[in-house]
Amino acid sequence: MEPRSASELFAAPFALSTLADSGGPAFPALVVPDGEAVDLRGVFGNPRLTVLDLLDRWDENLPRLRALASDQTLAWTGLDGLQVCAPVAPRQVLQSGSDFRQHAIDLDLDRRVPGDERPAEDLPYVFIGLPSAITGPYDDVVLPAWAEKPDWKLELAVVIGRSAHRVSVEDAPRYIAGYTIANDLTDRATVFRRDMAAIGTDWLRSKNAPGFTPLGPWIVPAEWMAHPDDLRVTLKLNGETMQDESTTDMTFKAARVVSYASQTAQLLPGDLVLTGSPASKGMRWGRLLRDGDVMEGTVTGLGVQRTRCLAETSS
């Protein structure tokens, strides 16, 4: 699957992506809103350049990318015929759970502290995902035969641009390179271990099968996302809207989740911090993912990802 038109791109002067020509290796690209892209390997004089390399020196590279976005002497080309891959291969993936207010209410997690008092009283719930679960924004997703209740979870994803450790909420935006879209697929049947109920959740098995984190299509620089705390997160299943909520409903905003994660972990450039998903997952609808389903996810200004689910076939 692929983007259907330039209108499915982003709301910014430029974005970063990872593209691949037919049969060729993936390469980092600068993309502009009219659907034109330029291969950054030649521009930077590095045939092995990746988006992660660009993020490793983000403060230095961002001004150069700004200038390149309006350089008409470059070899710009259309996206037609190019594969749009996951925009970055992160070293680490951190994920936030039950962050949207309505989702927490649905899970009966919000009984103790009313209204806006909860952010001051509680802490974000952050856990670790695997980079190997990431796939492209238009790739098919194989539902493993063992996954009895596969579900969707569309999320705003933060892309880190500077090494961050023990940063404050106020300083956290300085460490954010940009934003992208993630779908944190989860097998609800394996979230809780029946044989080890006292231990709690099994995020390895329930969330980290290959392809369970469709990512992208683009990384939009943070400077063009003036209001990350007021973005619409919308997921459609076979054309029917299943999730549609604003990040204003997030109990812990993106900067706070980044700050909280950095109090323990050393966040590195290119790392992803997923900020949680709105209510209305498949469990709420009584309709879980199955063979042939097509998920279409959008977050305001960040484009569209579209993934088809395929049942695992026996080999």
Protein backbone atom coordinates (compact mmCIF):
# COMPACT_ATOMS: atom_id res chain seq x y z
CA MET A 1 0.00 0.00 0.00
CA GLU A 2 1.17 3.60 -0.53
CA PRO A 3 0.07 7.24 -0.13
CA ARG A 4 -2.80 7.98 -2.49
CA SER A 5 -2.05 11.64 -3.13
CA ALA A 6 0.08 14.59 -2.08
CA SER A 7 -2.88 15.71 0.05
CA GLU A 8 -1.99 12.85 2.42
CA LEU A 9 1.34 14.48 3.21
CA PHE A 10 2.11 16.80 6.11
CA ALA A 11 1.48 20.37 7.22
CA ALA A 12 5.03 21.74 7.28
CA PRO A 13 7.61 23.15 4.84
CA PHE A 14 9.44 19.81 4.89
CA ALA A 15 9.70 16.48 6.65
CA LEU A 16 12.15 13.61 6.90
CA SER A 17 11.45 10.15 5.57
CA THR A 18 13.10 6.91 4.61
CA LEU A 19 12.37 5.80 1.06
CA ALA A 20 13.43 2.91 -1.14
CA ASP A 21 13.53 2.50 -4.90
CA SER A 22 12.33 -0.76 -6.42
CA GLY A 23 14.82 -3.40 -5.36
CA GLY A 24 17.23 -0.85 -3.96
CA PRO A 25 18.41 0.02 -0.47
CA ALA A 26 16.51 2.41 1.74
CA PHE A 27 17.76 5.98 1.89
CA PRO A 28 17.05 9.13 3.91
CA ALA A 29 14.99 11.72 2.08
CA LEU A 30 13.84 15.27 2.51
CA VAL A 31 10.21 15.57 1.42
CA VAL A 32 8.27 18.75 0.68
CA PRO A 33 4.47 19.17 0.75
CA ASP A 34 3.97 18.94 -3.02
CA GLY A 35 5.14 15.33 -2.90
CA GLU A 36 8.70 15.87 -4.13
CA ALA A 37 11.66 14.24 -2.42
CA VAL A 38 15.45 14.42 -2.57
CA ASP A 39 17.90 11.68 -1.65
CA LEU A 40 20.06 13.09 1.14
CA ARG A 41 22.94 10.66 0.68
CA GLY A 42 24.37 12.62 -2.22
CA VAL A 43 23.63 16.00 -0.65
CA PHE A 44 25.53 15.05 2.51
CA GLY A 45 28.23 13.13 0.63
CA ASN A 46 27.64 9.93 2.58
CA PRO A 47 26.38 6.85 0.71
CA ARG A 48 25.53 5.15 4.02
CA LEU A 49 23.65 8.06 5.54
CA THR A 50 20.47 7.26 7.48
CA VAL A 51 17.79 9.34 9.15
CA LEU A 52 19.24 8.17 12.47
CA ASP A 53 22.57 9.74 11.45
CA LEU A 54 20.80 13.03 10.78
CA LEU A 55 19.09 12.90 14.17
CA ASP A 56 22.39 12.11 15.90
CA ARG A 57 23.51 15.63 14.95
CA TRP A 58 20.10 17.26 14.80
CA ASP A 59 21.08 20.71 16.07
CA GLU A 60 23.69 20.92 13.32
CA ASN A 61 21.62 19.35 10.54
CA LEU A 62 18.27 21.09 11.07
CA PRO A 63 19.40 24.49 9.70
CA ARG A 64 20.88 22.77 6.67
CA LEU A 65 17.65 20.86 6.03
CA ARG A 66 15.70 24.12 6.23
CA ALA A 67 17.88 25.58 3.49
CA LEU A 68 17.71 22.43 1.34
CA ALA A 69 13.90 22.43 1.38
CA SER A 70 13.85 25.50 -0.88
CA ASP A 71 16.89 24.61 -3.04
CA GLN A 72 15.58 24.14 -6.58
CA THR A 73 19.01 23.04 -7.87
CA LEU A 74 18.68 19.67 -6.14
CA ALA A 75 17.57 16.49 -7.92
CA TRP A 76 13.96 16.46 -6.71
CA THR A 77 11.77 13.54 -7.71
CA GLY A 78 8.18 12.46 -7.14
CA LEU A 79 7.18 9.81 -4.63
CA ASP A 80 5.48 7.67 -7.28
CA GLY A 81 7.23 4.33 -7.54
CA LEU A 82 9.10 4.78 -4.27
CA GLN A 83 8.43 2.71 -1.17
CA VAL A 84 7.78 4.74 1.97
CA CYS A 85 9.50 2.93 4.82
CA ALA A 86 9.42 3.52 8.56
CA PRO A 87 11.02 6.97 8.86
CA VAL A 88 13.66 5.99 11.44
CA ALA A 89 15.22 2.87 12.94
CA PRO A 90 15.37 3.85 16.63
CA ARG A 91 17.73 2.45 19.20
CA GLN A 92 15.02 2.49 21.87
CA VAL A 93 11.23 2.58 21.96
CA LEU A 94 9.39 3.78 25.05
CA GLN A 95 5.63 3.54 25.24
CA SER A 96 3.04 5.22 27.44
CA GLY A 97 -0.08 3.40 28.57
CA SER A 98 -3.56 4.62 29.53
CA ASP A 99 -2.61 8.26 29.03
CA PHE A 100 -5.86 9.52 27.51
CA ARG A 101 -8.41 10.52 30.11
CA GLN A 102 -11.35 8.66 28.56
CA HIS A 103 -9.24 5.52 28.10
CA ALA A 104 -8.32 5.60 31.79
CA ILE A 105 -11.98 6.00 32.70
CA ASP A 106 -12.87 3.03 30.51
CA LEU A 107 -10.25 0.97 32.35
CA ASP A 108 -11.53 2.23 35.71
CA LEU A 109 -8.14 3.73 36.52
CA ASP A 110 -9.38 7.23 37.31
CA ARG A 111 -11.34 6.71 40.50
CA ARG A 112 -8.90 8.17 43.00
CA VAL A 113 -8.25 11.70 41.79
CA PRO A 114 -10.90 13.80 40.06
CA GLY A 115 -10.51 16.13 37.12
CA ASP A 116 -7.24 17.92 36.43
CA GLU A 117 -5.70 16.94 39.75
CA ARG A 118 -4.48 13.61 38.43
CA PRO A 119 -1.34 14.89 36.62
CA ALA A 120 -0.08 16.39 39.88
CA GLU A 121 -0.86 13.28 41.87
CA ASP A 122 0.13 10.44 39.56
CA LEU A 123 2.98 9.50 37.23
CA PRO A 124 2.89 8.43 33.59
CA TYR A 125 2.96 4.69 32.96
CA VAL A 126 5.88 4.00 30.61
CA PHE A 127 7.25 0.67 29.41
CA ILE A 128 9.72 -0.57 26.81
CA GLY A 129 8.98 -1.73 23.27
CA LEU A 130 11.23 -3.39 20.72
CA PRO A 131 12.55 -1.69 17.56
CA SER A 132 12.14 -5.03 15.76
CA ALA A 133 8.35 -4.60 15.96
CA ILE A 134 8.49 -1.52 13.72
CA THR A 135 7.28 -1.70 10.13
CA GLY A 136 6.53 0.84 7.42
CA PRO A 137 3.38 2.98 7.31
CA TYR A 138 1.97 1.19 4.25
CA ASP A 139 3.29 -2.32 4.88
CA ASP A 140 1.02 -5.30 5.45
CA VAL A 141 0.85 -6.49 9.05
CA VAL A 142 0.81 -10.23 9.64
CA LEU A 143 -1.40 -11.25 12.55
CA PRO A 144 0.32 -14.19 14.27
CA ALA A 145 -1.73 -17.36 14.55
CA TRP A 146 -1.34 -17.26 18.33
CA ALA A 147 -2.77 -13.71 18.61
CA GLU A 148 -6.39 -14.36 19.57
CA LYS A 149 -7.43 -10.73 20.13
CA PRO A 150 -5.30 -8.35 18.01
CA ASP A 151 -6.25 -4.71 18.55
CA TRP A 152 -5.26 -1.26 17.28
CA LYS A 153 -3.84 1.70 19.26
CA LEU A 154 -3.06 4.79 17.19
CA GLU A 155 -0.66 7.21 18.88
CA LEU A 156 1.31 10.41 18.51
CA ALA A 157 5.00 9.45 18.60
CA VAL A 158 7.78 11.77 19.74
CA VAL A 159 11.17 11.50 17.99
CA ILE A 160 14.09 12.46 20.22
CA GLY A 161 16.72 14.81 18.75
CA ARG A 162 19.23 15.23 21.58
CA SER A 163 20.54 12.95 24.28
CA ALA A 164 18.27 13.49 27.26
CA HIS A 165 18.69 12.41 30.86
CA ARG A 166 16.80 13.84 33.83
CA VAL A 167 15.35 16.74 31.89
CA SER A 168 12.53 18.84 33.28
CA VAL A 169 9.08 19.08 31.74
CA GLU A 170 9.85 22.69 30.81
CA ASP A 171 13.09 21.71 29.03
CA ALA A 172 11.78 18.53 27.39
CA PRO A 173 10.62 20.22 24.14
CA ARG A 174 14.25 21.21 23.45
CA TYR A 175 15.07 17.50 23.16
CA ILE A 176 12.30 16.69 20.70
CA ALA A 177 13.34 16.61 17.03
CA GLY A 178 9.88 15.97 15.67
CA TYR A 179 6.72 13.92 15.64
CA THR A 180 5.33 11.00 13.68
CA ILE A 181 2.49 8.46 13.82
CA ALA A 182 2.64 5.04 15.45
CA ASN A 183 0.08 2.25 15.73
CA ASP A 184 0.82 0.14 18.79
CA LEU A 185 -0.88 -3.13 17.86
CA THR A 186 -1.64 -5.27 20.89
CA ASP A 187 -2.90 -8.81 21.36
CA ARG A 188 -5.34 -8.38 24.22
CA ALA A 189 -5.40 -12.12 24.95
CA THR A 190 -1.75 -12.13 26.00
CA VAL A 191 -1.50 -8.84 27.91
CA PHE A 192 -2.00 -10.64 31.23
CA ARG A 193 -0.26 -13.91 32.04
CA ARG A 194 -2.79 -16.42 33.30
CA ASP A 195 -0.02 -18.53 34.81
CA MET A 196 1.63 -15.57 36.61
CA ALA A 197 -1.20 -13.23 37.53
CA ALA A 198 0.76 -11.66 40.36
CA ILE A 199 3.49 -10.44 38.00
CA GLY A 200 1.12 -8.41 35.84
CA THR A 201 1.44 -7.46 32.17
CA ASP A 202 3.37 -9.29 29.46
CA TRP A 203 4.20 -6.49 27.00
CA LEU A 204 6.82 -8.58 25.19
CA ARG A 205 4.34 -11.12 23.87
CA SER A 206 1.31 -8.87 23.48
CA LYS A 207 2.96 -5.95 21.65
CA ASN A 208 6.22 -6.90 20.01
CA ALA A 209 5.54 -9.32 17.19
CA PRO A 210 7.23 -8.29 13.91
CA GLY A 211 5.21 -5.52 12.29
CA PHE A 212 3.17 -4.70 15.39
CA THR A 213 4.33 -1.06 15.33
CA PRO A 214 3.53 0.56 11.96
CA LEU A 215 5.46 3.85 11.99
CA GLY A 216 5.35 7.00 9.92
CA PRO A 217 5.14 7.99 7.18
CA TRP A 218 7.03 11.20 7.99
CA ILE A 219 8.97 12.90 10.77
CA VAL A 220 7.71 16.47 10.94
CA PRO A 221 10.16 18.75 12.77
CA ALA A 222 8.92 19.97 16.13
CA GLU A 223 9.30 23.61 15.14
CA TRP A 224 6.38 23.18 12.72
CA MET A 225 4.16 21.50 15.33
CA ALA A 226 3.17 24.50 17.41
CA HIS A 227 0.43 22.68 19.34
CA PRO A 228 1.34 19.01 19.89
CA ASP A 229 -1.08 18.99 22.82
CA ASP A 230 -4.00 19.74 20.50
CA LEU A 231 -3.83 17.26 17.62
CA ARG A 232 -6.59 15.00 16.34
CA VAL A 233 -5.81 11.26 16.49
CA THR A 234 -8.10 9.34 14.14
CA LEU A 235 -8.16 5.68 13.15
CA LYS A 236 -10.53 4.20 10.58
CA LEU A 237 -11.09 0.48 10.15
CA ASN A 238 -12.25 -0.40 6.64
CA GLY A 239 -13.40 3.20 6.27
CA GLU A 240 -15.33 3.35 9.55
CA THR A 241 -14.07 5.74 12.22
CA MET A 242 -13.11 3.84 15.37
CA GLN A 243 -10.87 6.34 17.19
CA ASP A 244 -11.22 10.12 16.95
CA GLU A 245 -9.95 12.17 19.85
CA SER A 246 -7.71 15.15 20.53
CA THR A 247 -4.42 15.03 22.41
CA THR A 248 -5.98 17.69 24.65
CA ASP A 249 -7.49 14.68 26.45
CA MET A 250 -4.05 13.34 27.36
CA THR A 251 -3.54 13.31 31.11
CA PHE A 252 0.22 13.58 30.64
CA LYS A 253 1.24 15.71 27.66
CA ALA A 254 4.11 14.74 25.37
CA ALA A 255 6.70 16.87 27.17
CA ARG A 256 5.83 15.34 30.52
CA VAL A 257 6.06 11.80 29.19
CA VAL A 258 9.50 12.56 27.70
CA SER A 259 10.64 14.17 30.95
CA TYR A 260 9.36 11.25 33.03
CA ALA A 261 11.04 8.63 30.82
CA SER A 262 14.31 10.57 30.98
CA GLN A 263 14.36 10.48 34.78
CA THR A 264 15.36 6.81 34.52
CA ALA A 265 16.46 6.15 30.95
CA GLN A 266 19.08 7.89 28.86
CA LEU A 267 17.08 8.91 25.80
CA LEU A 268 19.11 8.94 22.61
CA PRO A 269 18.65 10.75 19.30
CA GLY A 270 16.19 8.87 17.13
CA ASP A 271 14.48 7.18 20.06
CA LEU A 272 10.70 7.00 19.99
CA VAL A 273 8.43 7.95 22.87
CA LEU A 274 4.87 6.84 22.15
CA THR A 275 2.40 8.97 24.07
CA GLY A 276 -0.60 6.69 24.48
CA SER A 277 -3.77 5.98 22.53
CA PRO A 278 -7.31 7.34 22.77
CA ALA A 279 -10.24 5.27 23.92
CA SER A 280 -12.30 3.15 21.52
CA LYS A 281 -9.99 0.25 20.86
CA GLY A 282 -11.34 -2.93 19.37
CA MET A 283 -12.14 -4.42 22.76
CA ARG A 284 -14.55 -1.57 23.40
CA TRP A 285 -16.26 -2.08 20.04
CA GLY A 286 -16.28 -5.86 20.34
CA ARG A 287 -14.54 -5.91 16.96
CA LEU A 288 -10.91 -7.02 16.83
CA LEU A 289 -8.56 -7.14 13.85
CA ARG A 290 -8.88 -9.92 11.32
CA ASP A 291 -7.59 -11.00 7.94
CA GLY A 292 -8.16 -8.37 5.25
CA ASP A 293 -8.84 -5.43 7.56
CA VAL A 294 -7.35 -2.08 6.51
CA MET A 295 -6.42 0.45 9.18
CA GLU A 296 -6.03 4.10 8.20
CA GLY A 297 -4.44 6.32 10.84
CA THR A 298 -4.00 10.08 10.85
CA VAL A 299 -2.70 12.63 13.31
CA THR A 300 -3.19 16.31 12.52
CA GLY A 301 -0.38 17.60 10.30
CA LEU A 302 1.53 14.31 10.23
CA GLY A 303 0.01 12.60 7.21
CA VAL A 304 -1.69 9.24 6.83
CA GLN A 305 -0.59 5.65 7.38
CA ARG A 306 -2.53 2.77 5.88
CA THR A 307 -1.89 -0.86 6.76
CA ARG A 308 -3.62 -4.07 5.78
CA CYS A 309 -3.88 -7.03 8.15
CA LEU A 310 -3.10 -10.51 6.90
CA ALA A 311 -3.63 -13.73 8.83
CA GLU A 312 -0.49 -15.79 9.31
CA THR A 313 -0.40 -18.78 7.02
CA SER A 314 1.22 -22.06 7.94
CA SER A 315 4.53 -22.73 6.24
